Amino acid sequence: MTDEKDLIEKAFQQYADAFQALDPAKVLPFFHFPAMLISPEKAAVIGNPIIGYFGFSKVMKDLKRRCFTRSVAESLHVQQLSDNLAIVTGVVIRFKQCKEEHPETFLECFNLNYTMRKVDGNWKIIVGALTETTCPSISDAKTNAATNSGASGLKEQPT
């Protein structure tokens, strides 16, 4: 098996960067269809990009309404299972800042578990599962994000 952990993490980071724009069209190229997204509330099969566009539109509209600004991922880990299958895990902390708020405040946090498959030479998301977790303190998260401490594993990225 060829070690592609760096390429897998890069593909995930690119997806995370695209998510930051809260534009469904920007995240769809990172999925292999059909795909499945699982949250504590429900599971959804995304059969094609059209279904994905409308699904992500709802999620992103809600994040905009809730004043989402950015996310940081803590303890991001890539486990390559084979030449064409990998799992990316970590903890995501989302922040918000509404017009009347200063400074930026905590929005939510969750575990991320993404299964990725290599398709036509590119790593694509086939399953994304978000689960509840205990959130670290926000001051610790902001400090770690600002310093990009290697020990903490915090990396700024939306999901």
C-alpha atoms as a PDB file:
ATOM      1  CA  MET A   1       0.000   0.000   0.000  1.00  0.00           C
ATOM      2  CA  THR A   2       1.301   3.428  -0.942  1.00  0.00           C
ATOM      3  CA  ASP A   3       1.215   5.846   2.012  1.00  0.00           C
ATOM      4  CA  GLU A   4      -1.052   8.730   0.972  1.00  0.00           C
ATOM      5  CA  LYS A   5      -1.921  10.126   4.406  1.00  0.00           C
ATOM      6  CA  ASP A   6      -0.613  13.574   3.442  1.00  0.00           C
ATOM      7  CA  LEU A   7      -2.736  13.601   0.258  1.00  0.00           C
ATOM      8  CA  ILE A   8      -5.787  12.429   2.185  1.00  0.00           C
ATOM      9  CA  GLU A   9      -5.340  15.147   4.809  1.00  0.00           C
ATOM     10  CA  LYS A  10      -4.786  17.732   2.061  1.00  0.00           C
ATOM     11  CA  ALA A  11      -8.043  16.699   0.349  1.00  0.00           C
ATOM     12  CA  PHE A  12      -9.890  16.974   3.650  1.00  0.00           C
ATOM     13  CA  GLN A  13      -8.326  20.391   4.349  1.00  0.00           C
ATOM     14  CA  GLN A  14      -9.419  21.590   0.908  1.00  0.00           C
ATOM     15  CA  TYR A  15     -12.965  20.423   1.651  1.00  0.00           C
ATOM     16  CA  ALA A  16     -12.833  22.217   4.999  1.00  0.00           C
ATOM     17  CA  ASP A  17     -11.629  25.412   3.315  1.00  0.00           C
ATOM     18  CA  ALA A  18     -14.432  25.157   0.748  1.00  0.00           C
ATOM     19  CA  PHE A  19     -16.999  24.687   3.524  1.00  0.00           C
ATOM     20  CA  GLN A  20     -15.868  27.989   5.068  1.00  0.00           C
ATOM     21  CA  ALA A  21     -17.478  29.869   2.166  1.00  0.00           C
ATOM     22  CA  LEU A  22     -20.905  28.421   3.074  1.00  0.00           C
ATOM     23  CA  ASP A  23     -21.517  27.855  -0.648  1.00  0.00           C
ATOM     24  CA  PRO A  24     -22.882  24.368  -1.456  1.00  0.00           C
ATOM     25  CA  ALA A  25     -21.395  24.378  -4.961  1.00  0.00           C
ATOM     26  CA  LYS A  26     -17.898  24.642  -3.483  1.00  0.00           C
ATOM     27  CA  VAL A  27     -18.153  21.492  -1.316  1.00  0.00           C
ATOM     28  CA  LEU A  28     -19.839  19.132  -3.787  1.00  0.00           C
ATOM     29  CA  PRO A  29     -16.656  18.312  -5.776  1.00  0.00           C
ATOM     30  CA  PHE A  30     -15.221  16.722  -2.606  1.00  0.00           C
ATOM     31  CA  PHE A  31     -17.919  14.013  -2.525  1.00  0.00           C
ATOM     32  CA  HIS A  32     -18.273  10.724  -4.387  1.00  0.00           C
ATOM     33  CA  PHE A  33     -21.945  10.008  -5.009  1.00  0.00           C
ATOM     34  CA  PRO A  34     -23.902   8.369  -3.610  1.00  0.00           C
ATOM     35  CA  ALA A  35     -22.641   9.563  -0.238  1.00  0.00           C
ATOM     36  CA  MET A  36     -24.085   9.482   3.257  1.00  0.00           C
ATOM     37  CA  LEU A  37     -24.063  12.119   5.986  1.00  0.00           C
ATOM     38  CA  ILE A  38     -24.949  11.155   9.548  1.00  0.00           C
ATOM     39  CA  SER A  39     -25.637  13.522  12.442  1.00  0.00           C
ATOM     40  CA  PRO A  40     -27.114  12.959  15.900  1.00  0.00           C
ATOM     41  CA  GLU A  41     -30.476  14.103  14.468  1.00  0.00           C
ATOM     42  CA  LYS A  42     -30.643  12.100  11.227  1.00  0.00           C
ATOM     43  CA  ALA A  43     -28.936  10.255   8.406  1.00  0.00           C
ATOM     44  CA  ALA A  44     -29.173  11.410   4.803  1.00  0.00           C
ATOM     45  CA  VAL A  45     -28.196   9.696   1.581  1.00  0.00           C
ATOM     46  CA  ILE A  46     -26.955  12.126  -1.040  1.00  0.00           C
ATOM     47  CA  GLY A  47     -27.670  10.338  -4.287  1.00  0.00           C
ATOM     48  CA  ASN A  48     -26.294  12.967  -6.644  1.00  0.00           C
ATOM     49  CA  PRO A  49     -24.931  16.535  -6.721  1.00  0.00           C
ATOM     50  CA  ILE A  50     -28.403  18.073  -7.120  1.00  0.00           C
ATOM     51  CA  ILE A  51     -29.633  16.472  -3.900  1.00  0.00           C
ATOM     52  CA  GLY A  52     -26.338  17.466  -2.265  1.00  0.00           C
ATOM     53  CA  TYR A  53     -26.744  21.077  -3.343  1.00  0.00           C
ATOM     54  CA  PHE A  54     -30.183  21.387  -1.755  1.00  0.00           C
ATOM     55  CA  GLY A  55     -29.119  19.536   1.402  1.00  0.00           C
ATOM     56  CA  PHE A  56     -26.026  21.663   1.933  1.00  0.00           C
ATOM     57  CA  SER A  57     -28.033  24.807   1.125  1.00  0.00           C
ATOM     58  CA  LYS A  58     -30.280  24.114   4.123  1.00  0.00           C
ATOM     59  CA  VAL A  59     -27.362  23.372   6.457  1.00  0.00           C
ATOM     60  CA  MET A  60     -25.376  26.412   5.339  1.00  0.00           C
ATOM     61  CA  LYS A  61     -28.379  28.733   5.493  1.00  0.00           C
ATOM     62  CA  ASP A  62     -28.887  27.637   9.103  1.00  0.00           C
ATOM     63  CA  LEU A  63     -25.206  28.263   9.918  1.00  0.00           C
ATOM     64  CA  LYS A  64     -25.449  31.769   8.422  1.00  0.00           C
ATOM     65  CA  ARG A  65     -28.580  32.425  10.493  1.00  0.00           C
ATOM     66  CA  ARG A  66     -26.643  31.328  13.596  1.00  0.00           C
ATOM     67  CA  CYS A  67     -23.762  33.751  12.738  1.00  0.00           C
ATOM     68  CA  PHE A  68     -21.179  31.016  11.961  1.00  0.00           C
ATOM     69  CA  THR A  69     -17.700  32.471  11.366  1.00  0.00           C
ATOM     70  CA  ARG A  70     -15.268  29.550  11.354  1.00  0.00           C
ATOM     71  CA  SER A  71     -14.300  26.192  12.803  1.00  0.00           C
ATOM     72  CA  VAL A  72     -11.166  24.654  14.232  1.00  0.00           C
ATOM     73  CA  ALA A  73     -10.441  20.921  14.160  1.00  0.00           C
ATOM     74  CA  GLU A  74      -8.567  19.421  17.072  1.00  0.00           C
ATOM     75  CA  SER A  75      -6.676  16.113  16.980  1.00  0.00           C
ATOM     76  CA  LEU A  76      -7.140  15.555  13.248  1.00  0.00           C
ATOM     77  CA  HIS A  77      -6.024  12.000  12.425  1.00  0.00           C
ATOM     78  CA  VAL A  78      -5.850  10.115   9.118  1.00  0.00           C
ATOM     79  CA  GLN A  79      -5.961   6.327   9.028  1.00  0.00           C
ATOM     80  CA  GLN A  80      -5.340   4.884   5.579  1.00  0.00           C
ATOM     81  CA  LEU A  81      -7.025   1.477   5.351  1.00  0.00           C
ATOM     82  CA  SER A  82      -5.983   0.553   1.804  1.00  0.00           C
ATOM     83  CA  ASP A  83      -4.821   2.121  -1.444  1.00  0.00           C
ATOM     84  CA  ASN A  84      -8.298   3.582  -1.953  1.00  0.00           C
ATOM     85  CA  LEU A  85      -9.958   3.815   1.477  1.00  0.00           C
ATOM     86  CA  ALA A  86      -9.242   6.033   4.500  1.00  0.00           C
ATOM     87  CA  ILE A  87     -10.839   7.459   7.631  1.00  0.00           C
ATOM     88  CA  VAL A  88     -10.333  11.024   8.896  1.00  0.00           C
ATOM     89  CA  THR A  89     -11.282  11.740  12.526  1.00  0.00           C
ATOM     90  CA  GLY A  90     -11.107  14.718  14.856  1.00  0.00           C
ATOM     91  CA  VAL A  91     -13.047  17.183  16.997  1.00  0.00           C
ATOM     92  CA  VAL A  92     -14.553  20.312  15.444  1.00  0.00           C
ATOM     93  CA  ILE A  93     -15.254  23.512  17.365  1.00  0.00           C
ATOM     94  CA  ARG A  94     -17.434  26.066  15.576  1.00  0.00           C
ATOM     95  CA  PHE A  95     -17.458  29.769  16.405  1.00  0.00           C
ATOM     96  CA  LYS A  96     -19.922  32.574  15.746  1.00  0.00           C
ATOM     97  CA  GLN A  97     -19.977  36.338  15.809  1.00  0.00           C
ATOM     98  CA  CYS A  98     -23.259  38.136  15.338  1.00  0.00           C
ATOM     99  CA  LYS A  99     -23.286  41.857  14.590  1.00  0.00           C
ATOM    100  CA  GLU A 100     -23.976  42.789  18.203  1.00  0.00           C
ATOM    101  CA  GLU A 101     -21.396  40.363  19.630  1.00  0.00           C
ATOM    102  CA  HIS A 102     -17.777  41.079  20.346  1.00  0.00           C
ATOM    103  CA  PRO A 103     -15.639  39.055  20.571  1.00  0.00           C
ATOM    104  CA  GLU A 104     -16.270  35.831  18.679  1.00  0.00           C
ATOM    105  CA  THR A 105     -18.054  33.219  20.802  1.00  0.00           C
ATOM    106  CA  PHE A 106     -18.599  29.469  20.881  1.00  0.00           C
ATOM    107  CA  LEU A 107     -21.319  28.008  18.639  1.00  0.00           C
ATOM    108  CA  GLU A 108     -21.004  24.204  18.950  1.00  0.00           C
ATOM    109  CA  CYS A 109     -18.616  21.271  18.801  1.00  0.00           C
ATOM    110  CA  PHE A 110     -18.734  17.657  17.631  1.00  0.00           C
ATOM    111  CA  ASN A 111     -16.616  14.656  16.653  1.00  0.00           C
ATOM    112  CA  LEU A 112     -16.034  14.196  12.940  1.00  0.00           C
ATOM    113  CA  ASN A 113     -15.568  10.796  11.295  1.00  0.00           C
ATOM    114  CA  TYR A 114     -15.229  10.895   7.508  1.00  0.00           C
ATOM    115  CA  THR A 115     -14.665   7.878   5.290  1.00  0.00           C
ATOM    116  CA  MET A 116     -12.869   8.791   2.083  1.00  0.00           C
ATOM    117  CA  ARG A 117     -12.350   6.797  -1.094  1.00  0.00           C
ATOM    118  CA  LYS A 118      -9.844   7.358  -3.874  1.00  0.00           C
ATOM    119  CA  VAL A 119     -11.797   7.839  -7.100  1.00  0.00           C
ATOM    120  CA  ASP A 120     -10.061   8.593 -10.401  1.00  0.00           C
ATOM    121  CA  GLY A 121      -6.920   9.586  -8.513  1.00  0.00           C
ATOM    122  CA  ASN A 122      -8.681  11.944  -6.064  1.00  0.00           C
ATOM    123  CA  TRP A 123      -9.699  11.366  -2.447  1.00  0.00           C
ATOM    124  CA  LYS A 124     -13.472  11.918  -2.055  1.00  0.00           C
ATOM    125  CA  ILE A 125     -15.857  11.788   0.898  1.00  0.00           C
ATOM    126  CA  ILE A 126     -18.281   8.860   0.829  1.00  0.00           C
ATOM    127  CA  VAL A 127     -19.515   8.928   4.452  1.00  0.00           C
ATOM    128  CA  GLY A 128     -19.476  11.756   6.971  1.00  0.00           C
ATOM    129  CA  ALA A 129     -20.579  11.137  10.554  1.00  0.00           C
ATOM    130  CA  LEU A 130     -20.818  13.855  13.194  1.00  0.00           C
ATOM    131  CA  THR A 131     -21.309  12.802  16.817  1.00  0.00           C
ATOM    132  CA  GLU A 132     -21.717  14.657  20.091  1.00  0.00           C
ATOM    133  CA  THR A 133     -18.678  15.318  22.273  1.00  0.00           C
ATOM    134  CA  THR A 134     -17.601  17.246  25.328  1.00  0.00           C
ATOM    135  CA  CYS A 135     -16.224  20.575  24.192  1.00  0.00           C
ATOM    136  CA  PRO A 136     -12.898  21.929  25.407  1.00  0.00           C
ATOM    137  CA  SER A 137     -12.942  25.344  27.012  1.00  0.00           C
ATOM    138  CA  ILE A 138     -13.279  28.083  24.433  1.00  0.00           C
ATOM    139  CA  SER A 139     -10.333  30.072  25.752  1.00  0.00           C
ATOM    140  CA  ASP A 140      -8.143  26.954  25.386  1.00  0.00           C
ATOM    141  CA  ALA A 141      -9.450  26.353  21.875  1.00  0.00           C
ATOM    142  CA  LYS A 142      -8.809  29.956  20.820  1.00  0.00           C
ATOM    143  CA  THR A 143      -5.335  29.959  22.363  1.00  0.00           C
ATOM    144  CA  ASN A 144      -4.416  26.717  20.633  1.00  0.00           C
ATOM    145  CA  ALA A 145      -5.864  27.891  17.320  1.00  0.00           C
ATOM    146  CA  ALA A 146      -3.941  31.154  17.509  1.00  0.00           C
ATOM    147  CA  THR A 147      -0.639  29.455  18.234  1.00  0.00           C
ATOM    148  CA  ASN A 148      -1.244  26.408  15.979  1.00  0.00           C
ATOM    149  CA  SER A 149       0.445  24.373  18.668  1.00  0.00           C
ATOM    150  CA  GLY A 150       1.752  21.070  17.370  1.00  0.00           C
ATOM    151  CA  ALA A 151       1.037  19.495  20.744  1.00  0.00           C
ATOM    152  CA  SER A 152      -2.643  20.413  20.665  1.00  0.00           C
ATOM    153  CA  GLY A 153      -3.249  19.411  17.078  1.00  0.00           C
ATOM    154  CA  LEU A 154      -5.600  22.353  16.541  1.00  0.00           C
ATOM    155  CA  LYS A 155      -5.900  23.334  12.915  1.00  0.00           C
ATOM    156  CA  GLU A 156      -8.179  26.072  11.711  1.00  0.00           C
ATOM    157  CA  GLN A 157     -10.709  24.613   9.311  1.00  0.00           C
ATOM    158  CA  PRO A 158     -14.452  24.609   8.772  1.00  0.00           C
ATOM    159  CA  THR A 159     -16.519  21.423   8.415  1.00  0.00           C
END
